[in-house]
Amino acid sequence: MAGNELENGTSCLVDFLYEVFRARSIEEIWSLHTDKMAEVGFDRLLYGFTRFRTANYLGSPDDSLFLTNHHPDYVNEFIRGGLYQAAPMVRWAADNVGAQSWKLMLEAIKSAETLSTIERKVVELNKRHNVQAGYSIGFRDVSVRAKGGIGLCARADLTQDDVEAIWAKHGREIVIMNNVVHLRISSLPYVSGKTLTARQRETLEWVGDGKTTQDIAIIMGLTPATVEKHLRLAREVLDVDTTAQAVLKASFHNQIFVVPEIRTA
């Protein structure tokens, strides 16, 4: 039965958290997490984190961090196609903190006449890709604009009743693991495309400290024109229009004002 791998309880949990603590990149943490969740029956995960949420909008996929091991076809329709904005369990995780069974989604499907057109598309997509049983977790964040959540999709051979049995036995450990993974991931730098150079990061940091172009040129030993060039290239890398937006986005993505990671023993 799925979940036997957590029988050692505290020892298993501590070992996992120790490895997550030692990991130096989002990719390394995600690999550890997908392997661990698969051991307990959740073989497909979808994690999302944004710092650009509004009251009625979860933010653009381009400004959010998504991590998943779902099939690319599912990801393309669900995320790039924008269906996630209307998915019942995504909306629950966006508006709540804690864990919620997908029974909620199954009940919504039974009342299909109340679903909107886009919600029906979500249901059809999930059926095609066997996304039928699982749990969602909404994380607690420190800003009204920031929100993170994860959907834990059970193996295709497990029913929601099987998932409830797993959760009854190991739900607390699973919630702890997912929350720590979220905290680690949200504290690490991430990029979606080109990376800022060291000079671009430094110039943005000085702008964030309130320095003028002339100030920065003196501090860095550059000409004002060169400083402007670094700022222009930084705006292009971050795909924003203004330097103020560049500082904000780079800060949100943990690409500036970051202490270099030190490898722990």
C-alpha atoms as a PDB file:
ATOM      1  CA  MET A   1       0.000   0.000   0.000  1.00  0.00           C
ATOM      2  CA  ALA A   2       1.218   3.510  -0.768  1.00  0.00           C
ATOM      3  CA  GLY A   3       2.519   5.257   2.306  1.00  0.00           C
ATOM      4  CA  ASN A   4       4.485   2.368   3.816  1.00  0.00           C
ATOM      5  CA  GLU A   5       7.687   4.302   3.126  1.00  0.00           C
ATOM      6  CA  LEU A   6       6.802   6.741   5.910  1.00  0.00           C
ATOM      7  CA  GLU A   7       6.406   4.040   8.537  1.00  0.00           C
ATOM      8  CA  ASN A   8       9.642   5.123  10.214  1.00  0.00           C
ATOM      9  CA  GLY A   9       7.919   8.435  10.957  1.00  0.00           C
ATOM     10  CA  THR A  10      10.230  10.953  12.553  1.00  0.00           C
ATOM     11  CA  SER A  11      13.425   9.415  11.172  1.00  0.00           C
ATOM     12  CA  CYS A  12      12.131   9.538   7.582  1.00  0.00           C
ATOM     13  CA  LEU A  13      10.876  13.097   7.999  1.00  0.00           C
ATOM     14  CA  VAL A  14      14.136  14.354   9.510  1.00  0.00           C
ATOM     15  CA  ASP A  15      16.220  12.694   6.769  1.00  0.00           C
ATOM     16  CA  PHE A  16      14.130  14.339   4.073  1.00  0.00           C
ATOM     17  CA  LEU A  17      14.191  17.784   5.689  1.00  0.00           C
ATOM     18  CA  TYR A  18      17.955  17.529   6.147  1.00  0.00           C
ATOM     19  CA  GLU A  19      18.449  16.858   2.431  1.00  0.00           C
ATOM     20  CA  VAL A  20      16.133  19.729   1.503  1.00  0.00           C
ATOM     21  CA  PHE A  21      18.058  22.017   3.847  1.00  0.00           C
ATOM     22  CA  ARG A  22      21.373  21.036   2.215  1.00  0.00           C
ATOM     23  CA  ALA A  23      20.116  21.455  -1.363  1.00  0.00           C
ATOM     24  CA  ARG A  24      21.544  24.469  -3.205  1.00  0.00           C
ATOM     25  CA  SER A  25      19.106  24.899  -6.085  1.00  0.00           C
ATOM     26  CA  ILE A  26      15.407  24.785  -6.841  1.00  0.00           C
ATOM     27  CA  GLU A  27      16.026  21.930  -9.263  1.00  0.00           C
ATOM     28  CA  GLU A  28      17.728  19.830  -6.593  1.00  0.00           C
ATOM     29  CA  ILE A  29      14.939  20.453  -4.076  1.00  0.00           C
ATOM     30  CA  TRP A  30      12.258  19.657  -6.655  1.00  0.00           C
ATOM     31  CA  SER A  31      13.928  16.370  -7.564  1.00  0.00           C
ATOM     32  CA  LEU A  32      14.072  15.351  -3.902  1.00  0.00           C
ATOM     33  CA  HIS A  33      10.443  16.324  -3.395  1.00  0.00           C
ATOM     34  CA  THR A  34       8.958  14.583  -6.429  1.00  0.00           C
ATOM     35  CA  ASP A  35      10.776  11.385  -5.466  1.00  0.00           C
ATOM     36  CA  LYS A  36       9.539  11.553  -1.862  1.00  0.00           C
ATOM     37  CA  MET A  37       5.941  12.339  -2.790  1.00  0.00           C
ATOM     38  CA  ALA A  38       5.935   9.488  -5.343  1.00  0.00           C
ATOM     39  CA  GLU A  39       6.935   7.123  -2.525  1.00  0.00           C
ATOM     40  CA  VAL A  40       3.699   7.932  -0.709  1.00  0.00           C
ATOM     41  CA  GLY A  41       1.459   7.694  -3.751  1.00  0.00           C
ATOM     42  CA  PHE A  42       1.544  11.176  -5.317  1.00  0.00           C
ATOM     43  CA  ASP A  43       3.425  10.755  -8.596  1.00  0.00           C
ATOM     44  CA  ARG A  44       2.423  14.061 -10.250  1.00  0.00           C
ATOM     45  CA  LEU A  45       2.873  17.434  -8.592  1.00  0.00           C
ATOM     46  CA  LEU A  46       2.117  20.997  -9.631  1.00  0.00           C
ATOM     47  CA  TYR A  47       3.691  23.764  -7.558  1.00  0.00           C
ATOM     48  CA  GLY A  48       3.018  27.432  -8.176  1.00  0.00           C
ATOM     49  CA  PHE A  49       4.269  30.611  -6.538  1.00  0.00           C
ATOM     50  CA  THR A  50       3.592  34.228  -7.452  1.00  0.00           C
ATOM     51  CA  ARG A  51       4.288  37.632  -5.922  1.00  0.00           C
ATOM     52  CA  PHE A  52       1.917  39.384  -8.342  1.00  0.00           C
ATOM     53  CA  ARG A  53      -1.497  38.174  -7.185  1.00  0.00           C
ATOM     54  CA  THR A  54      -4.470  40.537  -7.150  1.00  0.00           C
ATOM     55  CA  ALA A  55      -7.965  40.099  -5.755  1.00  0.00           C
ATOM     56  CA  ASN A  56      -9.263  38.569  -8.995  1.00  0.00           C
ATOM     57  CA  TYR A  57      -6.140  37.343 -10.757  1.00  0.00           C
ATOM     58  CA  LEU A  58      -3.421  34.858  -9.822  1.00  0.00           C
ATOM     59  CA  GLY A  59      -0.832  36.589 -11.975  1.00  0.00           C
ATOM     60  CA  SER A  60       0.699  35.867 -15.351  1.00  0.00           C
ATOM     61  CA  PRO A  61       2.487  32.522 -15.829  1.00  0.00           C
ATOM     62  CA  ASP A  62       5.480  34.541 -17.048  1.00  0.00           C
ATOM     63  CA  ASP A  63       5.735  36.284 -13.673  1.00  0.00           C
ATOM     64  CA  SER A  64       5.155  33.126 -11.630  1.00  0.00           C
ATOM     65  CA  LEU A  65       7.232  30.107 -10.739  1.00  0.00           C
ATOM     66  CA  PHE A  66       5.690  26.804 -11.800  1.00  0.00           C
ATOM     67  CA  LEU A  67       7.281  23.441 -11.095  1.00  0.00           C
ATOM     68  CA  THR A  68       5.672  20.222 -12.258  1.00  0.00           C
ATOM     69  CA  ASN A  69       6.281  16.688 -13.415  1.00  0.00           C
ATOM     70  CA  HIS A  70       2.907  16.391 -15.179  1.00  0.00           C
ATOM     71  CA  HIS A  71       2.909  15.422 -18.852  1.00  0.00           C
ATOM     72  CA  PRO A  72       3.924  18.361 -21.105  1.00  0.00           C
ATOM     73  CA  ASP A  73       0.577  18.200 -22.935  1.00  0.00           C
ATOM     74  CA  TYR A  74      -1.254  18.673 -19.648  1.00  0.00           C
ATOM     75  CA  VAL A  75       1.023  21.514 -18.606  1.00  0.00           C
ATOM     76  CA  ASN A  76       0.580  23.291 -21.933  1.00  0.00           C
ATOM     77  CA  GLU A  77      -3.219  23.330 -21.666  1.00  0.00           C
ATOM     78  CA  PHE A  78      -3.501  23.817 -17.918  1.00  0.00           C
ATOM     79  CA  ILE A  79      -0.898  26.534 -17.419  1.00  0.00           C
ATOM     80  CA  ARG A  80      -0.106  28.096 -20.790  1.00  0.00           C
ATOM     81  CA  GLY A  81      -3.732  27.820 -21.793  1.00  0.00           C
ATOM     82  CA  GLY A  82      -4.724  29.637 -18.607  1.00  0.00           C
ATOM     83  CA  LEU A  83      -7.081  26.937 -17.307  1.00  0.00           C
ATOM     84  CA  TYR A  84      -5.386  26.936 -13.912  1.00  0.00           C
ATOM     85  CA  GLN A  85      -6.990  30.318 -13.191  1.00  0.00           C
ATOM     86  CA  ALA A  86     -10.394  28.581 -13.006  1.00  0.00           C
ATOM     87  CA  ALA A  87      -9.423  25.179 -11.571  1.00  0.00           C
ATOM     88  CA  PRO A  88     -11.380  24.550  -8.332  1.00  0.00           C
ATOM     89  CA  MET A  89      -8.463  23.179  -6.308  1.00  0.00           C
ATOM     90  CA  VAL A  90      -6.085  25.885  -7.522  1.00  0.00           C
ATOM     91  CA  ARG A  91      -8.596  28.520  -6.512  1.00  0.00           C
ATOM     92  CA  TRP A  92      -8.968  26.853  -3.115  1.00  0.00           C
ATOM     93  CA  ALA A  93      -5.190  26.854  -2.539  1.00  0.00           C
ATOM     94  CA  ALA A  94      -5.015  30.501  -3.644  1.00  0.00           C
ATOM     95  CA  ASP A  95      -7.657  31.565  -1.123  1.00  0.00           C
ATOM     96  CA  ASN A  96      -6.789  29.324   1.817  1.00  0.00           C
ATOM     97  CA  VAL A  97      -3.989  28.035   4.012  1.00  0.00           C
ATOM     98  CA  GLY A  98      -3.743  24.325   4.797  1.00  0.00           C
ATOM     99  CA  ALA A  99      -4.639  21.070   3.055  1.00  0.00           C
ATOM    100  CA  GLN A 100      -7.848  20.216   1.218  1.00  0.00           C
ATOM    101  CA  SER A 101      -9.016  16.886  -0.198  1.00  0.00           C
ATOM    102  CA  TRP A 102      -9.963  16.718  -3.855  1.00  0.00           C
ATOM    103  CA  LYS A 103     -13.358  15.459  -2.765  1.00  0.00           C
ATOM    104  CA  LEU A 104     -14.306  19.106  -3.219  1.00  0.00           C
ATOM    105  CA  MET A 105     -13.481  18.850  -6.917  1.00  0.00           C
ATOM    106  CA  LEU A 106     -15.345  15.560  -7.280  1.00  0.00           C
ATOM    107  CA  GLU A 107     -18.436  17.096  -5.704  1.00  0.00           C
ATOM    108  CA  ALA A 108     -18.227  20.029  -8.129  1.00  0.00           C
ATOM    109  CA  ILE A 109     -18.091  17.612 -11.054  1.00  0.00           C
ATOM    110  CA  LYS A 110     -21.262  15.873  -9.825  1.00  0.00           C
ATOM    111  CA  SER A 111     -22.973  19.262  -9.985  1.00  0.00           C
ATOM    112  CA  ALA A 112     -21.690  19.843 -13.509  1.00  0.00           C
ATOM    113  CA  GLU A 113     -24.638  22.027 -14.441  1.00  0.00           C
ATOM    114  CA  THR A 114     -23.267  24.723 -12.139  1.00  0.00           C
ATOM    115  CA  LEU A 115     -19.835  24.776 -13.804  1.00  0.00           C
ATOM    116  CA  SER A 116     -18.774  27.561 -16.138  1.00  0.00           C
ATOM    117  CA  THR A 117     -17.470  26.828 -19.637  1.00  0.00           C
ATOM    118  CA  ILE A 118     -13.835  27.150 -18.565  1.00  0.00           C
ATOM    119  CA  GLU A 119     -14.422  24.990 -15.478  1.00  0.00           C
ATOM    120  CA  ARG A 120     -15.873  22.295 -17.737  1.00  0.00           C
ATOM    121  CA  LYS A 121     -12.694  22.454 -19.802  1.00  0.00           C
ATOM    122  CA  VAL A 122     -10.669  21.889 -16.626  1.00  0.00           C
ATOM    123  CA  VAL A 123     -12.773  18.845 -15.760  1.00  0.00           C
ATOM    124  CA  GLU A 124     -12.399  17.403 -19.269  1.00  0.00           C
ATOM    125  CA  LEU A 125      -8.634  17.980 -19.264  1.00  0.00           C
ATOM    126  CA  ASN A 126      -8.250  16.313 -15.867  1.00  0.00           C
ATOM    127  CA  LYS A 127     -10.244  13.292 -17.022  1.00  0.00           C
ATOM    128  CA  ARG A 128      -8.104  12.900 -20.142  1.00  0.00           C
ATOM    129  CA  HIS A 129      -4.906  12.936 -18.085  1.00  0.00           C
ATOM    130  CA  ASN A 130      -6.183  10.910 -15.121  1.00  0.00           C
ATOM    131  CA  VAL A 131      -5.919  13.826 -12.706  1.00  0.00           C
ATOM    132  CA  GLN A 132      -8.718  12.547 -10.500  1.00  0.00           C
ATOM    133  CA  ALA A 133      -7.570  11.962  -6.915  1.00  0.00           C
ATOM    134  CA  GLY A 134      -5.318  13.950  -4.614  1.00  0.00           C
ATOM    135  CA  TYR A 135      -4.883  16.842  -2.209  1.00  0.00           C
ATOM    136  CA  SER A 136      -4.073  20.538  -2.539  1.00  0.00           C
ATOM    137  CA  ILE A 137      -2.074  22.604  -0.071  1.00  0.00           C
ATOM    138  CA  GLY A 138      -2.187  26.385   0.229  1.00  0.00           C
ATOM    139  CA  PHE A 139       0.880  27.936   1.863  1.00  0.00           C
ATOM    140  CA  ARG A 140       0.984  30.846   4.286  1.00  0.00           C
ATOM    141  CA  ASP A 141       2.848  33.831   2.820  1.00  0.00           C
ATOM    142  CA  VAL A 142       3.993  37.150   4.243  1.00  0.00           C
ATOM    143  CA  SER A 143       2.515  39.444   1.580  1.00  0.00           C
ATOM    144  CA  VAL A 144      -1.013  39.957   0.242  1.00  0.00           C
ATOM    145  CA  ARG A 145       0.496  39.854  -3.262  1.00  0.00           C
ATOM    146  CA  ALA A 146       2.407  36.617  -2.685  1.00  0.00           C
ATOM    147  CA  LYS A 147       0.861  33.159  -2.727  1.00  0.00           C
ATOM    148  CA  GLY A 148       2.101  29.625  -3.113  1.00  0.00           C
ATOM    149  CA  GLY A 149       0.315  26.316  -3.431  1.00  0.00           C
ATOM    150  CA  ILE A 150       0.798  22.760  -4.592  1.00  0.00           C
ATOM    151  CA  GLY A 151      -1.451  20.088  -6.052  1.00  0.00           C
ATOM    152  CA  LEU A 152      -0.563  16.500  -5.160  1.00  0.00           C
ATOM    153  CA  CYS A 153      -2.049  14.167  -7.780  1.00  0.00           C
ATOM    154  CA  ALA A 154      -2.302  10.503  -6.838  1.00  0.00           C
ATOM    155  CA  ARG A 155      -1.207   7.598  -9.017  1.00  0.00           C
ATOM    156  CA  ALA A 156      -3.747   6.546 -11.625  1.00  0.00           C
ATOM    157  CA  ASP A 157      -4.475   3.288  -9.762  1.00  0.00           C
ATOM    158  CA  LEU A 158      -5.480   5.083  -6.546  1.00  0.00           C
ATOM    159  CA  THR A 159      -8.980   6.310  -5.783  1.00  0.00           C
ATOM    160  CA  GLN A 160      -9.811   9.299  -3.612  1.00  0.00           C
ATOM    161  CA  ASP A 161     -10.708   6.846  -0.845  1.00  0.00           C
ATOM    162  CA  ASP A 162      -7.187   5.386  -1.100  1.00  0.00           C
ATOM    163  CA  VAL A 163      -5.796   8.918  -0.862  1.00  0.00           C
ATOM    164  CA  GLU A 164      -7.888   9.636   2.233  1.00  0.00           C
ATOM    165  CA  ALA A 165      -6.425   6.528   3.891  1.00  0.00           C
ATOM    166  CA  ILE A 166      -2.887   7.720   3.108  1.00  0.00           C
ATOM    167  CA  TRP A 167      -3.689  11.176   4.421  1.00  0.00           C
ATOM    168  CA  ALA A 168      -5.233   9.854   7.630  1.00  0.00           C
ATOM    169  CA  LYS A 169      -1.972   8.048   8.364  1.00  0.00           C
ATOM    170  CA  HIS A 170       0.663  10.452   7.040  1.00  0.00           C
ATOM    171  CA  GLY A 171      -1.079  13.757   6.327  1.00  0.00           C
ATOM    172  CA  ARG A 172       0.800  15.758   8.961  1.00  0.00           C
ATOM    173  CA  GLU A 173       4.204  14.607   7.685  1.00  0.00           C
ATOM    174  CA  ILE A 174       3.197  15.363   4.088  1.00  0.00           C
ATOM    175  CA  VAL A 175       2.026  18.876   5.016  1.00  0.00           C
ATOM    176  CA  ILE A 176       5.279  19.569   6.889  1.00  0.00           C
ATOM    177  CA  MET A 177       7.401  18.335   3.972  1.00  0.00           C
ATOM    178  CA  ASN A 178       5.533  20.459   1.450  1.00  0.00           C
ATOM    179  CA  ASN A 179       5.655  23.603   3.590  1.00  0.00           C
ATOM    180  CA  VAL A 180       9.403  23.327   4.151  1.00  0.00           C
ATOM    181  CA  VAL A 181       9.970  22.715   0.440  1.00  0.00           C
ATOM    182  CA  HIS A 182       7.920  25.829  -0.330  1.00  0.00           C
ATOM    183  CA  LEU A 183       9.901  27.948   2.128  1.00  0.00           C
ATOM    184  CA  ARG A 184      13.198  26.763   0.646  1.00  0.00           C
ATOM    185  CA  ILE A 185      12.109  27.206  -2.961  1.00  0.00           C
ATOM    186  CA  SER A 186      10.663  30.681  -2.377  1.00  0.00           C
ATOM    187  CA  SER A 187      13.944  31.799  -0.789  1.00  0.00           C
ATOM    188  CA  LEU A 188      16.151  30.744  -3.715  1.00  0.00           C
ATOM    189  CA  PRO A 189      16.867  32.663  -6.939  1.00  0.00           C
ATOM    190  CA  TYR A 190      14.916  31.600  -9.984  1.00  0.00           C
ATOM    191  CA  VAL A 191      14.918  32.738 -13.576  1.00  0.00           C
ATOM    192  CA  SER A 192      12.700  32.098 -16.578  1.00  0.00           C
ATOM    193  CA  GLY A 193      15.094  32.663 -19.438  1.00  0.00           C
ATOM    194  CA  LYS A 194      18.294  34.694 -19.508  1.00  0.00           C
ATOM    195  CA  THR A 195      20.186  35.402 -16.293  1.00  0.00           C
ATOM    196  CA  LEU A 196      21.360  38.759 -14.989  1.00  0.00           C
ATOM    197  CA  THR A 197      25.116  39.262 -15.087  1.00  0.00           C
ATOM    198  CA  ALA A 198      27.044  40.222 -11.952  1.00  0.00           C
ATOM    199  CA  ARG A 199      27.303  43.850 -13.181  1.00  0.00           C
ATOM    200  CA  GLN A 200      23.578  44.029 -13.961  1.00  0.00           C
ATOM    201  CA  ARG A 201      22.721  42.681 -10.507  1.00  0.00           C
ATOM    202  CA  GLU A 202      25.070  45.155  -8.821  1.00  0.00           C
ATOM    203  CA  THR A 203      23.695  48.178 -10.666  1.00  0.00           C
ATOM    204  CA  LEU A 204      20.117  47.163  -9.813  1.00  0.00           C
ATOM    205  CA  GLU A 205      21.086  46.739  -6.173  1.00  0.00           C
ATOM    206  CA  TRP A 206      22.520  50.260  -6.060  1.00  0.00           C
ATOM    207  CA  VAL A 207      19.349  51.625  -7.683  1.00  0.00           C
ATOM    208  CA  GLY A 208      17.372  49.758  -5.041  1.00  0.00           C
ATOM    209  CA  ASP A 209      19.493  51.517  -2.423  1.00  0.00           C
ATOM    210  CA  GLY A 210      18.415  54.888  -3.844  1.00  0.00           C
ATOM    211  CA  LYS A 211      21.609  55.772  -5.702  1.00  0.00           C
ATOM    212  CA  THR A 212      21.539  57.883  -8.874  1.00  0.00           C
ATOM    213  CA  THR A 213      23.258  56.902 -12.107  1.00  0.00           C
ATOM    214  CA  GLN A 214      26.084  59.318 -11.284  1.00  0.00           C
ATOM    215  CA  ASP A 215      26.424  57.847  -7.780  1.00  0.00           C
ATOM    216  CA  ILE A 216      26.577  54.316  -9.165  1.00  0.00           C
ATOM    217  CA  ALA A 217      29.184  55.287 -11.757  1.00  0.00           C
ATOM    218  CA  ILE A 218      31.458  56.635  -9.007  1.00  0.00           C
ATOM    219  CA  ILE A 219      30.880  53.656  -6.700  1.00  0.00           C
ATOM    220  CA  MET A 220      31.502  51.065  -9.432  1.00  0.00           C
ATOM    221  CA  GLY A 221      34.260  52.984 -11.213  1.00  0.00           C
ATOM    222  CA  LEU A 222      32.298  53.173 -14.460  1.00  0.00           C
ATOM    223  CA  THR A 223      31.040  55.916 -16.733  1.00  0.00           C
ATOM    224  CA  PRO A 224      27.369  56.963 -16.427  1.00  0.00           C
ATOM    225  CA  ALA A 225      26.833  55.663 -19.974  1.00  0.00           C
ATOM    226  CA  THR A 226      28.085  52.213 -18.966  1.00  0.00           C
ATOM    227  CA  VAL A 227      25.814  52.184 -15.931  1.00  0.00           C
ATOM    228  CA  GLU A 228      22.871  53.062 -18.165  1.00  0.00           C
ATOM    229  CA  LYS A 229      23.867  50.225 -20.497  1.00  0.00           C
ATOM    230  CA  HIS A 230      23.861  47.700 -17.615  1.00  0.00           C
ATOM    231  CA  LEU A 231      20.441  48.927 -16.520  1.00  0.00           C
ATOM    232  CA  ARG A 232      19.041  48.748 -20.054  1.00  0.00           C
ATOM    233  CA  LEU A 233      20.298  45.180 -20.478  1.00  0.00           C
ATOM    234  CA  ALA A 234      18.887  44.245 -17.074  1.00  0.00           C
ATOM    235  CA  ARG A 235      15.468  45.553 -18.154  1.00  0.00           C
ATOM    236  CA  GLU A 236      15.686  43.447 -21.312  1.00  0.00           C
ATOM    237  CA  VAL A 237      16.639  40.305 -19.383  1.00  0.00           C
ATOM    238  CA  LEU A 238      13.749  40.800 -16.958  1.00  0.00           C
ATOM    239  CA  ASP A 239      11.330  41.811 -19.733  1.00  0.00           C
ATOM    240  CA  VAL A 240      10.176  45.033 -18.063  1.00  0.00           C
ATOM    241  CA  ASP A 241       9.864  48.632 -19.225  1.00  0.00           C
ATOM    242  CA  THR A 242      11.342  50.614 -16.355  1.00  0.00           C
ATOM    243  CA  THR A 243      14.292  50.282 -13.995  1.00  0.00           C
ATOM    244  CA  ALA A 244      11.923  50.475 -11.018  1.00  0.00           C
ATOM    245  CA  GLN A 245      10.076  47.439 -12.378  1.00  0.00           C
ATOM    246  CA  ALA A 246      13.409  45.681 -12.919  1.00  0.00           C
ATOM    247  CA  VAL A 247      14.438  46.227  -9.291  1.00  0.00           C
ATOM    248  CA  LEU A 248      11.051  44.963  -8.066  1.00  0.00           C
ATOM    249  CA  LYS A 249      11.017  41.870 -10.281  1.00  0.00           C
ATOM    250  CA  ALA A 250      14.656  40.978  -9.592  1.00  0.00           C
ATOM    251  CA  SER A 251      13.992  41.334  -5.874  1.00  0.00           C
ATOM    252  CA  PHE A 252      10.866  39.169  -6.041  1.00  0.00           C
ATOM    253  CA  HIS A 253      12.829  36.512  -7.935  1.00  0.00           C
ATOM    254  CA  ASN A 254      15.637  36.625  -5.378  1.00  0.00           C
ATOM    255  CA  GLN A 255      18.176  37.659  -7.998  1.00  0.00           C
ATOM    256  CA  ILE A 256      19.492  40.713  -6.113  1.00  0.00           C
ATOM    257  CA  PHE A 257      20.426  41.390  -2.495  1.00  0.00           C
ATOM    258  CA  VAL A 258      21.133  37.670  -2.148  1.00  0.00           C
ATOM    259  CA  VAL A 259      23.895  36.244   0.048  1.00  0.00           C
ATOM    260  CA  PRO A 260      25.895  33.635  -1.933  1.00  0.00           C
ATOM    261  CA  GLU A 261      24.897  30.093  -0.964  1.00  0.00           C
ATOM    262  CA  ILE A 262      27.437  28.424   1.316  1.00  0.00           C
ATOM    263  CA  ARG A 263      27.663  24.644   1.153  1.00  0.00           C
ATOM    264  CA  THR A 264      26.900  23.061   4.530  1.00  0.00           C
ATOM    265  CA  ALA A 265      28.527  19.905   5.789  1.00  0.00           C
END
